């Protein structure tokens, strides 16, 4: 059974909404692109963080373990996408939903 946080991120992907949350104690504003589980079977999301707190420069891709996400909520706002990937993403190994494959191609 997916967690409540998983449902927030999954629904945000379907609606192409932003997600505001805290991850590892830092405020994040991001657009989730791919959700599912990682190689360890943990719920995970690949998201484009466009603003908020970070240890590095923003914007950038983030791989979030959903067990470490707090106070997630979806909101309307401009959809942000990252640049092209130079390598295959390894964040989500068992993909449940991908905005580019499952959402946009069906519209």
N, C-alpha and C. Protein backbone atom coordinates (compact mmCIF):
# COMPACT_ATOMS: atom_id res chain seq x y z
N UNK A 1 0.85 -1.18 0.00
CA UNK A 1 0.00 0.00 0.00
C UNK A 1 0.89 1.24 0.00
N UNK A 2 0.76 2.09 -1.01
CA UNK A 2 1.58 3.30 -1.05
C UNK A 2 1.29 4.24 0.12
N UNK A 3 2.30 5.00 0.50
CA UNK A 3 2.16 5.96 1.59
C UNK A 3 1.34 7.17 1.14
N UNK A 4 0.93 7.97 2.11
CA UNK A 4 0.22 9.22 1.82
C UNK A 4 1.11 10.15 1.00
N UNK A 5 2.39 10.21 1.34
CA UNK A 5 3.33 11.06 0.60
C UNK A 5 3.43 10.59 -0.85
N UNK A 6 3.47 9.29 -1.05
CA UNK A 6 3.51 8.73 -2.40
C UNK A 6 2.30 9.21 -3.20
N UNK A 7 1.13 9.16 -2.58
CA UNK A 7 -0.09 9.61 -3.26
C UNK A 7 -0.03 11.08 -3.64
N UNK A 8 0.53 11.91 -2.77
CA UNK A 8 0.66 13.35 -3.07
C UNK A 8 1.53 13.54 -4.31
N UNK A 9 2.69 12.89 -4.34
CA UNK A 9 3.60 13.03 -5.48
C UNK A 9 3.00 12.43 -6.75
N UNK A 10 2.37 11.27 -6.63
CA UNK A 10 1.79 10.61 -7.82
C UNK A 10 0.69 11.48 -8.43
N UNK A 11 -0.19 11.99 -7.58
CA UNK A 11 -1.27 12.85 -8.07
C UNK A 11 -0.72 14.14 -8.67
N UNK A 12 0.37 14.66 -8.11
CA UNK A 12 0.99 15.87 -8.66
C UNK A 12 1.55 15.60 -10.06
N UNK A 13 2.12 14.42 -10.28
CA UNK A 13 2.60 14.08 -11.62
C UNK A 13 1.43 14.05 -12.60
N UNK A 14 0.35 13.39 -12.22
CA UNK A 14 -0.81 13.28 -13.10
C UNK A 14 -1.38 14.65 -13.47
N UNK A 15 -1.36 15.58 -12.52
CA UNK A 15 -1.91 16.92 -12.75
C UNK A 15 -0.85 17.93 -13.17
N UNK A 16 0.41 17.49 -13.29
CA UNK A 16 1.54 18.38 -13.58
C UNK A 16 1.54 19.58 -12.62
N UNK A 17 1.51 19.25 -11.32
CA UNK A 17 1.56 20.26 -10.28
C UNK A 17 2.91 20.24 -9.59
N UNK A 18 3.24 21.35 -8.97
CA UNK A 18 4.44 21.46 -8.16
C UNK A 18 4.19 20.80 -6.80
N UNK A 19 5.27 20.40 -6.14
CA UNK A 19 5.17 19.88 -4.78
C UNK A 19 6.10 20.70 -3.89
N UNK A 20 5.57 21.12 -2.77
CA UNK A 20 6.34 21.83 -1.75
C UNK A 20 6.47 20.86 -0.58
N UNK A 21 7.70 20.72 -0.06
CA UNK A 21 7.91 19.77 1.04
C UNK A 21 9.21 20.10 1.76
N UNK A 22 9.47 19.33 2.79
CA UNK A 22 10.76 19.37 3.47
C UNK A 22 11.42 18.02 3.25
N UNK A 23 12.69 18.04 2.86
CA UNK A 23 13.44 16.81 2.64
C UNK A 23 14.79 16.95 3.33
N UNK A 24 15.08 16.02 4.21
CA UNK A 24 16.32 16.08 4.99
C UNK A 24 16.49 17.44 5.66
N UNK A 25 15.39 17.99 6.18
CA UNK A 25 15.43 19.24 6.91
C UNK A 25 15.49 20.50 6.07
N UNK A 26 15.43 20.36 4.74
CA UNK A 26 15.51 21.53 3.86
C UNK A 26 14.20 21.72 3.11
N UNK A 27 13.75 22.97 3.00
CA UNK A 27 12.54 23.29 2.25
C UNK A 27 12.83 23.13 0.76
N UNK A 28 11.94 22.44 0.07
CA UNK A 28 12.14 22.17 -1.36
C UNK A 28 10.87 22.54 -2.13
N UNK A 29 11.05 23.02 -3.34
CA UNK A 29 9.96 23.25 -4.27
C UNK A 29 10.37 22.56 -5.55
N UNK A 30 9.54 21.60 -5.98
CA UNK A 30 9.95 20.77 -7.10
C UNK A 30 8.79 20.32 -7.96
N UNK A 31 9.15 19.81 -9.13
CA UNK A 31 8.18 19.19 -10.02
C UNK A 31 8.58 17.73 -10.17
N UNK A 32 7.75 16.81 -9.67
CA UNK A 32 8.07 15.39 -9.77
C UNK A 32 7.84 14.88 -11.19
N UNK A 33 8.75 14.04 -11.67
CA UNK A 33 8.66 13.52 -13.03
C UNK A 33 8.47 12.01 -13.08
N UNK A 34 9.15 11.28 -12.19
CA UNK A 34 9.07 9.81 -12.20
C UNK A 34 8.90 9.32 -10.76
N UNK A 35 7.98 8.38 -10.55
CA UNK A 35 7.75 7.83 -9.21
C UNK A 35 7.66 6.31 -9.28
N UNK A 36 8.09 5.69 -8.21
CA UNK A 36 8.05 4.23 -8.11
C UNK A 36 8.88 3.80 -6.92
N UNK A 37 9.70 2.78 -7.11
CA UNK A 37 10.57 2.32 -6.02
C UNK A 37 12.01 2.26 -6.52
N UNK A 38 12.94 2.36 -5.55
CA UNK A 38 14.35 2.29 -5.89
C UNK A 38 14.83 0.84 -5.82
N UNK A 39 16.12 0.63 -6.00
CA UNK A 39 16.68 -0.73 -6.03
C UNK A 39 16.49 -1.48 -4.73
N UNK A 40 16.27 -0.73 -3.61
CA UNK A 40 16.04 -1.35 -2.31
C UNK A 40 14.56 -1.55 -2.00
N UNK A 41 13.69 -1.22 -2.97
CA UNK A 41 12.25 -1.38 -2.79
C UNK A 41 11.60 -0.24 -2.03
N UNK A 42 12.34 0.86 -1.83
CA UNK A 42 11.79 2.03 -1.12
C UNK A 42 11.10 2.96 -2.11
N UNK A 43 10.03 3.60 -1.67
CA UNK A 43 9.35 4.58 -2.50
C UNK A 43 10.31 5.72 -2.82
N UNK A 44 10.36 6.10 -4.10
CA UNK A 44 11.29 7.15 -4.54
C UNK A 44 10.67 7.96 -5.67
N UNK A 45 11.17 9.19 -5.81
CA UNK A 45 10.72 10.06 -6.89
C UNK A 45 11.92 10.81 -7.46
N UNK A 46 11.91 10.96 -8.78
CA UNK A 46 12.89 11.81 -9.45
C UNK A 46 12.17 13.11 -9.75
N UNK A 47 12.72 14.21 -9.24
CA UNK A 47 12.05 15.50 -9.37
C UNK A 47 13.05 16.58 -9.76
N UNK A 48 12.54 17.62 -10.39
CA UNK A 48 13.33 18.78 -10.75
C UNK A 48 13.11 19.84 -9.66
N UNK A 49 14.13 20.09 -8.85
CA UNK A 49 14.03 21.12 -7.82
C UNK A 49 14.42 22.45 -8.44
N UNK A 50 13.49 23.39 -8.44
CA UNK A 50 13.73 24.67 -9.09
C UNK A 50 13.99 25.80 -8.12
N UNK A 51 13.62 25.62 -6.86
CA UNK A 51 13.88 26.64 -5.84
C UNK A 51 13.80 25.99 -4.47
N UNK A 52 14.28 26.69 -3.46
CA UNK A 52 14.27 26.17 -2.10
C UNK A 52 15.69 26.06 -1.57
N UNK A 53 15.83 25.27 -0.53
CA UNK A 53 17.14 25.10 0.09
C UNK A 53 17.86 23.90 -0.52
N UNK A 54 19.18 24.02 -0.64
CA UNK A 54 19.95 22.96 -1.26
C UNK A 54 21.41 23.07 -0.85
N UNK A 55 22.10 21.95 -0.86
CA UNK A 55 23.54 21.97 -0.59
C UNK A 55 24.32 22.34 -1.85
N UNK A 56 23.65 22.30 -3.00
CA UNK A 56 24.29 22.64 -4.27
C UNK A 56 23.52 23.72 -5.00
N UNK A 57 23.95 23.97 -6.22
CA UNK A 57 23.29 25.00 -7.04
C UNK A 57 21.92 24.52 -7.52
N UNK A 58 21.03 25.45 -7.68
CA UNK A 58 19.70 25.15 -8.20
C UNK A 58 19.51 25.91 -9.50
N UNK A 59 18.68 25.42 -10.38
CA UNK A 59 17.87 24.20 -10.28
C UNK A 59 18.70 22.95 -10.59
N UNK A 60 18.17 21.79 -10.16
CA UNK A 60 18.83 20.52 -10.45
C UNK A 60 17.89 19.34 -10.18
N UNK A 61 18.26 18.20 -10.76
CA UNK A 61 17.51 16.97 -10.52
C UNK A 61 17.77 16.48 -9.11
N UNK A 62 16.72 15.94 -8.48
CA UNK A 62 16.81 15.37 -7.13
C UNK A 62 16.18 13.99 -7.13
N UNK A 63 16.83 13.08 -6.43
CA UNK A 63 16.28 11.76 -6.19
C UNK A 63 15.88 11.73 -4.72
N UNK A 64 14.59 11.63 -4.45
CA UNK A 64 14.10 11.68 -3.08
C UNK A 64 13.56 10.33 -2.65
N UNK A 65 14.00 9.86 -1.49
CA UNK A 65 13.37 8.72 -0.85
C UNK A 65 12.17 9.29 -0.11
N UNK A 66 10.99 8.81 -0.43
CA UNK A 66 9.79 9.42 0.11
C UNK A 66 9.65 9.24 1.62
N UNK A 67 10.32 8.28 2.21
CA UNK A 67 10.29 8.11 3.66
C UNK A 67 10.94 9.29 4.37
N UNK A 68 11.78 10.06 3.66
CA UNK A 68 12.46 11.21 4.24
C UNK A 68 11.78 12.54 3.94
N UNK A 69 10.64 12.49 3.26
CA UNK A 69 9.88 13.70 2.90
C UNK A 69 8.88 14.01 4.01
N UNK A 70 8.78 15.28 4.35
CA UNK A 70 7.81 15.73 5.35
C UNK A 70 6.95 16.85 4.77
N UNK A 71 5.71 16.92 5.23
CA UNK A 71 4.79 18.03 4.91
C UNK A 71 4.64 18.28 3.41
N UNK A 72 4.51 17.23 2.62
CA UNK A 72 4.36 17.38 1.18
C UNK A 72 2.95 17.83 0.83
N UNK A 73 2.90 18.81 -0.05
CA UNK A 73 1.61 19.25 -0.56
C UNK A 73 1.78 19.72 -2.00
N UNK A 74 0.79 19.42 -2.81
CA UNK A 74 0.81 19.83 -4.21
C UNK A 74 0.21 21.21 -4.33
N UNK A 75 0.66 21.93 -5.36
CA UNK A 75 0.09 23.25 -5.63
C UNK A 75 0.17 23.51 -7.13
N UNK A 76 -0.71 24.39 -7.58
CA UNK A 76 -0.66 24.81 -8.98
C UNK A 76 0.51 25.77 -9.16
N UNK A 77 1.02 25.81 -10.35
CA UNK A 77 2.14 26.70 -10.67
C UNK A 77 2.79 26.22 -11.95
N UNK A 78 3.69 27.03 -12.46
CA UNK A 78 4.39 26.70 -13.70
C UNK A 78 5.13 25.37 -13.56
N UNK A 79 4.98 24.52 -14.57
CA UNK A 79 5.68 23.23 -14.58
C UNK A 79 7.12 23.46 -15.01
N UNK A 80 8.04 22.91 -14.24
CA UNK A 80 9.46 23.05 -14.54
C UNK A 80 10.04 21.71 -14.96
N UNK A 81 10.91 21.76 -15.96
CA UNK A 81 11.58 20.56 -16.46
C UNK A 81 13.07 20.82 -16.48
N UNK A 82 13.82 19.79 -16.23
CA UNK A 82 15.27 19.90 -16.30
C UNK A 82 15.77 19.73 -17.71
N UNK A 83 17.06 19.96 -17.87
CA UNK A 83 17.71 19.74 -19.15
C UNK A 83 17.79 18.25 -19.43
N UNK A 84 18.33 17.93 -20.57
CA UNK A 84 18.42 16.53 -20.95
C UNK A 84 19.38 15.78 -20.03
N UNK A 85 19.11 14.51 -19.90
CA UNK A 85 19.96 13.65 -19.08
C UNK A 85 21.15 13.19 -19.92
N UNK A 86 22.31 13.21 -19.33
CA UNK A 86 23.50 12.68 -20.01
C UNK A 86 23.67 11.20 -19.69
N UNK A 87 23.01 10.74 -18.63
CA UNK A 87 23.04 9.33 -18.28
C UNK A 87 21.61 8.89 -17.94
N UNK A 88 21.39 7.60 -17.97
CA UNK A 88 20.09 7.05 -17.61
C UNK A 88 19.85 7.25 -16.12
N UNK A 89 18.66 7.66 -15.75
CA UNK A 89 18.35 7.86 -14.34
C UNK A 89 18.36 6.52 -13.61
N UNK A 90 18.88 6.51 -12.41
CA UNK A 90 18.94 5.30 -11.60
C UNK A 90 18.18 5.46 -10.29
N UNK A 91 17.48 6.57 -10.16
CA UNK A 91 16.75 6.87 -8.94
C UNK A 91 15.59 5.90 -8.74
N UNK A 92 14.78 5.76 -9.76
CA UNK A 92 13.58 4.92 -9.70
C UNK A 92 13.81 3.72 -10.61
N UNK A 93 13.98 2.55 -10.02
CA UNK A 93 14.26 1.37 -10.84
C UNK A 93 12.99 0.63 -11.26
N UNK A 94 11.96 0.68 -10.43
CA UNK A 94 10.67 0.10 -10.79
C UNK A 94 9.70 1.27 -10.93
N UNK A 95 9.48 1.69 -12.18
CA UNK A 95 8.69 2.89 -12.45
C UNK A 95 7.20 2.58 -12.42
N UNK A 96 6.49 3.38 -11.64
CA UNK A 96 5.03 3.31 -11.57
C UNK A 96 4.45 4.32 -12.56
N UNK A 97 5.02 5.54 -12.55
CA UNK A 97 4.46 6.62 -13.34
C UNK A 97 5.58 7.56 -13.78
N UNK A 98 5.60 7.89 -15.08
CA UNK A 98 6.58 8.81 -15.66
C UNK A 98 5.79 9.86 -16.43
N UNK A 99 5.97 11.13 -16.09
CA UNK A 99 5.18 12.19 -16.71
C UNK A 99 5.32 12.18 -18.23
N UNK A 100 6.49 11.88 -18.74
CA UNK A 100 6.70 11.91 -20.19
C UNK A 100 6.11 10.72 -20.92
N UNK A 101 6.02 9.59 -20.26
CA UNK A 101 5.50 8.37 -20.91
C UNK A 101 4.03 8.16 -20.62
N UNK A 102 3.66 8.19 -19.34
CA UNK A 102 2.30 7.82 -18.94
C UNK A 102 1.30 8.97 -18.95
N UNK A 103 1.78 10.19 -18.82
CA UNK A 103 0.84 11.31 -18.73
C UNK A 103 0.74 12.05 -20.06
N UNK A 104 1.84 12.56 -20.54
CA UNK A 104 1.81 13.39 -21.75
C UNK A 104 1.48 12.63 -23.02
N UNK A 105 1.93 11.41 -23.13
CA UNK A 105 1.66 10.64 -24.35
C UNK A 105 0.20 10.23 -24.43
N UNK A 106 -0.51 10.26 -23.32
CA UNK A 106 -1.93 9.90 -23.32
C UNK A 106 -2.84 11.08 -23.62
N UNK A 107 -2.27 12.27 -23.64
CA UNK A 107 -3.10 13.48 -23.88
C UNK A 107 -3.25 13.76 -25.34
